[in-house]
């Protein structure tokens, strides 16, 4: 019984961390999109980077919303399912962040 409560507490703790990290990453993506808009206006050429960052922000927003839902739900089965989906989506968003950083670097270097 004690182990079950400990695991539930750990899952909730992880959910809180993913919630705050995802919310912060939405802000980061939006900030970089703004910076990108200034750069592309000055250079008078568009890039794919800001579009990819917008998709990335949406992935982080979905992770944030699902994390909030997992923190608020009392149904144990739903909570476990949400946590699996959240973990996968958060890792996909982090991987996509790295890919976008590479695309932005490549675009800025070769244009």
N, C-alpha and C. Protein backbone atom coordinates (compact mmCIF):
# COMPACT_ATOMS: atom_id res chain seq x y z
N UNK A 1 0.82 -1.19 0.00
CA UNK A 1 0.00 0.00 0.00
C UNK A 1 0.87 1.26 0.00
N UNK A 2 1.93 1.21 0.80
CA UNK A 2 2.84 2.36 0.87
C UNK A 2 3.54 2.58 -0.46
N UNK A 3 3.91 1.49 -1.12
CA UNK A 3 4.58 1.59 -2.41
C UNK A 3 3.66 2.20 -3.47
N UNK A 4 2.38 1.83 -3.43
CA UNK A 4 1.40 2.37 -4.38
C UNK A 4 1.26 3.89 -4.21
N UNK A 5 1.21 4.34 -2.96
CA UNK A 5 1.11 5.78 -2.69
C UNK A 5 2.38 6.50 -3.12
N UNK A 6 3.52 5.86 -2.92
CA UNK A 6 4.79 6.45 -3.31
C UNK A 6 4.88 6.61 -4.83
N UNK A 7 4.44 5.58 -5.57
CA UNK A 7 4.44 5.66 -7.03
C UNK A 7 3.46 6.72 -7.52
N UNK A 8 2.30 6.81 -6.91
CA UNK A 8 1.32 7.83 -7.29
C UNK A 8 1.88 9.22 -7.06
N UNK A 9 2.57 9.40 -5.94
CA UNK A 9 3.18 10.69 -5.63
C UNK A 9 4.27 11.04 -6.64
N UNK A 10 5.08 10.05 -7.01
CA UNK A 10 6.14 10.26 -8.00
C UNK A 10 5.55 10.62 -9.35
N UNK A 11 4.49 9.93 -9.77
CA UNK A 11 3.83 10.23 -11.03
C UNK A 11 3.28 11.65 -11.03
N UNK A 12 2.69 12.06 -9.92
CA UNK A 12 2.15 13.41 -9.83
C UNK A 12 3.28 14.43 -9.89
N UNK A 13 4.39 14.13 -9.23
CA UNK A 13 5.54 15.02 -9.24
C UNK A 13 6.10 15.19 -10.66
N UNK A 14 6.21 14.09 -11.39
CA UNK A 14 6.69 14.15 -12.78
C UNK A 14 5.73 14.97 -13.62
N UNK A 15 4.44 14.79 -13.40
CA UNK A 15 3.42 15.53 -14.15
C UNK A 15 3.57 17.04 -13.90
N UNK A 16 3.82 17.41 -12.67
CA UNK A 16 4.01 18.83 -12.34
C UNK A 16 5.23 19.38 -13.07
N UNK A 17 6.31 18.62 -13.09
CA UNK A 17 7.53 19.08 -13.77
C UNK A 17 7.32 19.21 -15.28
N UNK A 18 6.63 18.25 -15.88
CA UNK A 18 6.35 18.33 -17.31
C UNK A 18 5.43 19.51 -17.60
N UNK A 19 4.44 19.73 -16.73
CA UNK A 19 3.53 20.86 -16.89
C UNK A 19 4.28 22.18 -16.91
N UNK A 20 5.16 22.40 -15.93
CA UNK A 20 5.88 23.68 -15.87
C UNK A 20 6.90 23.81 -17.00
N UNK A 21 7.59 22.71 -17.33
CA UNK A 21 8.58 22.78 -18.42
C UNK A 21 7.90 23.05 -19.76
N UNK A 22 6.79 22.40 -20.01
CA UNK A 22 6.07 22.59 -21.28
C UNK A 22 5.54 24.01 -21.40
N UNK A 23 4.99 24.52 -20.31
CA UNK A 23 4.48 25.89 -20.34
C UNK A 23 5.61 26.88 -20.61
N UNK A 24 6.76 26.64 -20.00
CA UNK A 24 7.91 27.50 -20.27
C UNK A 24 8.39 27.41 -21.71
N UNK A 25 8.35 26.21 -22.27
CA UNK A 25 8.80 26.02 -23.66
C UNK A 25 7.84 26.67 -24.65
N UNK A 26 6.55 26.76 -24.32
CA UNK A 26 5.62 27.50 -25.19
C UNK A 26 6.08 28.95 -25.27
N UNK A 27 6.43 29.53 -24.12
CA UNK A 27 6.93 30.90 -24.10
C UNK A 27 8.22 31.07 -24.87
N UNK A 28 9.11 30.11 -24.75
CA UNK A 28 10.38 30.16 -25.50
C UNK A 28 10.11 30.14 -27.00
N UNK A 29 9.25 29.24 -27.43
CA UNK A 29 8.93 29.14 -28.87
C UNK A 29 8.33 30.44 -29.39
N UNK A 30 7.42 31.02 -28.63
CA UNK A 30 6.79 32.27 -29.06
C UNK A 30 7.82 33.41 -29.11
N UNK A 31 8.72 33.46 -28.15
CA UNK A 31 9.78 34.48 -28.16
C UNK A 31 10.68 34.33 -29.38
N UNK A 32 11.10 33.11 -29.67
CA UNK A 32 11.98 32.88 -30.81
C UNK A 32 11.26 33.18 -32.13
N UNK A 33 9.95 32.89 -32.19
CA UNK A 33 9.18 33.25 -33.39
C UNK A 33 9.22 34.76 -33.60
N UNK A 34 9.05 35.53 -32.52
CA UNK A 34 9.12 36.99 -32.62
C UNK A 34 10.48 37.47 -33.10
N UNK A 35 11.54 36.89 -32.55
CA UNK A 35 12.90 37.25 -32.99
C UNK A 35 13.09 36.88 -34.46
N UNK A 36 12.58 35.73 -34.83
CA UNK A 36 12.69 35.27 -36.21
C UNK A 36 11.98 36.24 -37.16
N UNK A 37 10.83 36.73 -36.75
CA UNK A 37 10.09 37.67 -37.59
C UNK A 37 10.90 38.95 -37.81
N UNK A 38 11.59 39.42 -36.80
CA UNK A 38 12.43 40.61 -36.94
C UNK A 38 13.57 40.33 -37.93
N UNK A 39 14.22 39.18 -37.77
CA UNK A 39 15.34 38.84 -38.65
C UNK A 39 14.88 38.69 -40.10
N UNK A 40 13.77 37.99 -40.31
CA UNK A 40 13.31 37.79 -41.70
C UNK A 40 12.82 39.10 -42.32
N UNK A 41 12.31 40.01 -41.51
CA UNK A 41 11.91 41.31 -42.03
C UNK A 41 13.14 42.11 -42.47
N UNK A 42 14.18 42.07 -41.66
CA UNK A 42 15.41 42.80 -42.00
C UNK A 42 16.10 42.20 -43.23
N UNK A 43 16.08 40.89 -43.33
CA UNK A 43 16.74 40.22 -44.46
C UNK A 43 15.86 40.17 -45.71
N UNK A 44 14.59 40.45 -45.55
CA UNK A 44 13.61 40.41 -46.64
C UNK A 44 13.53 39.04 -47.31
N UNK A 45 13.58 38.00 -46.48
CA UNK A 45 13.42 36.64 -46.97
C UNK A 45 12.78 35.80 -45.87
N UNK A 46 11.95 34.90 -46.27
CA UNK A 46 11.27 34.04 -45.31
C UNK A 46 12.01 32.74 -45.11
N UNK A 47 11.76 32.11 -43.98
CA UNK A 47 12.34 30.81 -43.71
C UNK A 47 11.25 29.89 -43.15
N UNK A 48 11.58 28.64 -43.09
CA UNK A 48 10.68 27.63 -42.57
C UNK A 48 10.73 27.57 -41.04
N UNK A 49 11.73 28.19 -40.44
CA UNK A 49 11.96 28.10 -39.01
C UNK A 49 10.81 28.56 -38.15
N UNK A 50 10.20 29.70 -38.49
CA UNK A 50 9.11 30.19 -37.66
C UNK A 50 7.88 29.30 -37.74
N UNK A 51 7.64 28.71 -38.90
CA UNK A 51 6.52 27.77 -39.03
C UNK A 51 6.74 26.52 -38.19
N UNK A 52 7.97 26.02 -38.21
CA UNK A 52 8.30 24.85 -37.40
C UNK A 52 8.21 25.17 -35.91
N UNK A 53 8.62 26.36 -35.52
CA UNK A 53 8.51 26.77 -34.12
C UNK A 53 7.05 26.88 -33.68
N UNK A 54 6.19 27.32 -34.58
CA UNK A 54 4.76 27.39 -34.26
C UNK A 54 4.20 25.99 -34.00
N UNK A 55 4.59 25.03 -34.84
CA UNK A 55 4.17 23.64 -34.62
C UNK A 55 4.71 23.13 -33.30
N UNK A 56 5.95 23.46 -33.01
CA UNK A 56 6.58 23.05 -31.75
C UNK A 56 5.85 23.64 -30.56
N UNK A 57 5.45 24.89 -30.64
CA UNK A 57 4.70 25.53 -29.55
C UNK A 57 3.37 24.81 -29.34
N UNK A 58 2.73 24.38 -30.42
CA UNK A 58 1.46 23.66 -30.31
C UNK A 58 1.67 22.31 -29.62
N UNK A 59 2.78 21.63 -29.93
CA UNK A 59 3.08 20.36 -29.26
C UNK A 59 3.27 20.58 -27.76
N UNK A 60 4.01 21.61 -27.39
CA UNK A 60 4.21 21.90 -25.97
C UNK A 60 2.90 22.33 -25.30
N UNK A 61 2.07 23.08 -26.01
CA UNK A 61 0.78 23.46 -25.45
C UNK A 61 -0.09 22.24 -25.19
N UNK A 62 -0.10 21.30 -26.13
CA UNK A 62 -0.87 20.06 -25.93
C UNK A 62 -0.35 19.30 -24.72
N UNK A 63 0.97 19.25 -24.57
CA UNK A 63 1.55 18.58 -23.40
C UNK A 63 1.16 19.29 -22.11
N UNK A 64 1.15 20.61 -22.12
CA UNK A 64 0.77 21.38 -20.95
C UNK A 64 -0.68 21.12 -20.57
N UNK A 65 -1.57 21.14 -21.55
CA UNK A 65 -2.99 20.92 -21.29
C UNK A 65 -3.24 19.51 -20.77
N UNK A 66 -2.61 18.52 -21.39
CA UNK A 66 -2.78 17.14 -20.93
C UNK A 66 -2.20 16.95 -19.53
N UNK A 67 -1.09 17.59 -19.22
CA UNK A 67 -0.51 17.50 -17.88
C UNK A 67 -1.45 18.10 -16.85
N UNK A 68 -2.04 19.21 -17.19
CA UNK A 68 -3.00 19.84 -16.28
C UNK A 68 -4.19 18.91 -16.05
N UNK A 69 -4.67 18.30 -17.12
CA UNK A 69 -5.79 17.37 -17.02
C UNK A 69 -5.41 16.18 -16.13
N UNK A 70 -4.21 15.67 -16.30
CA UNK A 70 -3.76 14.53 -15.48
C UNK A 70 -3.67 14.92 -14.01
N UNK A 71 -3.26 16.14 -13.74
CA UNK A 71 -3.18 16.60 -12.35
C UNK A 71 -4.56 16.77 -11.73
N UNK A 72 -5.54 17.08 -12.54
CA UNK A 72 -6.89 17.34 -12.04
C UNK A 72 -7.78 16.10 -11.97
N UNK A 73 -7.45 15.07 -12.72
CA UNK A 73 -8.33 13.90 -12.77
C UNK A 73 -8.15 13.03 -11.53
N UNK A 74 -9.21 12.39 -11.12
CA UNK A 74 -9.17 11.49 -9.97
C UNK A 74 -9.30 10.03 -10.40
N UNK A 75 -9.59 9.80 -11.68
CA UNK A 75 -9.72 8.45 -12.21
C UNK A 75 -8.32 7.87 -12.44
N UNK A 76 -7.98 6.81 -11.72
CA UNK A 76 -6.63 6.24 -11.77
C UNK A 76 -6.27 5.69 -13.15
N UNK A 77 -7.21 4.99 -13.80
CA UNK A 77 -6.92 4.44 -15.14
C UNK A 77 -6.68 5.54 -16.15
N UNK A 78 -7.52 6.58 -16.12
CA UNK A 78 -7.35 7.70 -17.03
C UNK A 78 -6.03 8.41 -16.76
N UNK A 79 -5.70 8.53 -15.50
CA UNK A 79 -4.46 9.20 -15.12
C UNK A 79 -3.23 8.45 -15.67
N UNK A 80 -3.23 7.14 -15.56
CA UNK A 80 -2.11 6.35 -16.09
C UNK A 80 -1.99 6.50 -17.60
N UNK A 81 -3.13 6.46 -18.29
CA UNK A 81 -3.11 6.63 -19.75
C UNK A 81 -2.61 8.02 -20.12
N UNK A 82 -3.11 9.03 -19.43
CA UNK A 82 -2.68 10.40 -19.72
C UNK A 82 -1.18 10.56 -19.50
N UNK A 83 -0.67 9.97 -18.43
CA UNK A 83 0.76 10.09 -18.15
C UNK A 83 1.62 9.46 -19.24
N UNK A 84 1.18 8.34 -19.77
CA UNK A 84 1.93 7.72 -20.88
C UNK A 84 1.91 8.61 -22.12
N UNK A 85 0.74 9.14 -22.44
CA UNK A 85 0.61 10.02 -23.60
C UNK A 85 1.45 11.28 -23.40
N UNK A 86 1.41 11.84 -22.20
CA UNK A 86 2.16 13.05 -21.89
C UNK A 86 3.66 12.81 -22.04
N UNK A 87 4.13 11.70 -21.50
CA UNK A 87 5.56 11.38 -21.61
C UNK A 87 6.00 11.30 -23.06
N UNK A 88 5.24 10.59 -23.86
CA UNK A 88 5.59 10.43 -25.28
C UNK A 88 5.54 11.77 -26.00
N UNK A 89 4.47 12.53 -25.78
CA UNK A 89 4.32 13.81 -26.47
C UNK A 89 5.42 14.80 -26.05
N UNK A 90 5.78 14.79 -24.78
CA UNK A 90 6.84 15.69 -24.31
C UNK A 90 8.18 15.33 -24.96
N UNK A 91 8.48 14.04 -25.05
CA UNK A 91 9.73 13.62 -25.70
C UNK A 91 9.73 13.93 -27.19
N UNK A 92 8.57 13.79 -27.83
CA UNK A 92 8.46 14.16 -29.25
C UNK A 92 8.71 15.66 -29.41
N UNK A 93 8.11 16.46 -28.53
CA UNK A 93 8.29 17.92 -28.61
C UNK A 93 9.75 18.31 -28.37
N UNK A 94 10.40 17.67 -27.41
CA UNK A 94 11.82 17.96 -27.16
C UNK A 94 12.69 17.59 -28.37
N UNK A 95 12.40 16.43 -28.95
CA UNK A 95 13.14 16.01 -30.15
C UNK A 95 12.91 16.99 -31.29
N UNK A 96 11.66 17.41 -31.45
CA UNK A 96 11.32 18.36 -32.51
C UNK A 96 12.02 19.69 -32.27
N UNK A 97 12.18 20.09 -31.01
CA UNK A 97 12.91 21.32 -30.69
C UNK A 97 14.34 21.24 -31.21
N UNK A 98 14.97 20.10 -31.01
CA UNK A 98 16.34 19.92 -31.49
C UNK A 98 16.41 19.95 -33.00
N UNK A 99 15.45 19.32 -33.66
CA UNK A 99 15.41 19.33 -35.13
C UNK A 99 15.21 20.76 -35.63
N UNK A 100 14.30 21.50 -35.01
CA UNK A 100 14.05 22.89 -35.41
C UNK A 100 15.31 23.74 -35.22
N UNK A 101 16.01 23.52 -34.11
CA UNK A 101 17.26 24.27 -33.89
C UNK A 101 18.26 23.98 -35.01
N UNK A 102 18.34 22.74 -35.45
CA UNK A 102 19.23 22.39 -36.55
C UNK A 102 18.79 23.04 -37.86
N UNK A 103 17.50 23.03 -38.12
CA UNK A 103 16.98 23.65 -39.35
C UNK A 103 17.25 25.16 -39.34
N UNK A 104 17.03 25.80 -38.20
CA UNK A 104 17.26 27.24 -38.11
C UNK A 104 18.73 27.56 -38.31
N UNK A 105 19.59 26.78 -37.67
CA UNK A 105 21.03 26.99 -37.83
C UNK A 105 21.45 26.79 -39.27
N UNK A 106 20.96 25.75 -39.90
CA UNK A 106 21.29 25.48 -41.30
C UNK A 106 20.79 26.61 -42.20
N UNK A 107 19.56 27.06 -41.97
CA UNK A 107 18.98 28.12 -42.79
C UNK A 107 19.74 29.44 -42.65
N UNK A 108 20.16 29.74 -41.43
CA UNK A 108 20.88 31.00 -41.20
C UNK A 108 22.31 30.93 -41.74
N UNK A 109 22.89 29.75 -41.75
CA UNK A 109 24.27 29.60 -42.21
C UNK A 109 24.36 29.66 -43.73
N UNK A 110 23.43 29.02 -44.40
CA UNK A 110 23.54 28.88 -45.86
C UNK A 110 22.73 29.88 -46.66
N UNK A 111 22.12 30.87 -46.00
CA UNK A 111 21.39 31.89 -46.78
C UNK A 111 22.08 33.21 -46.71
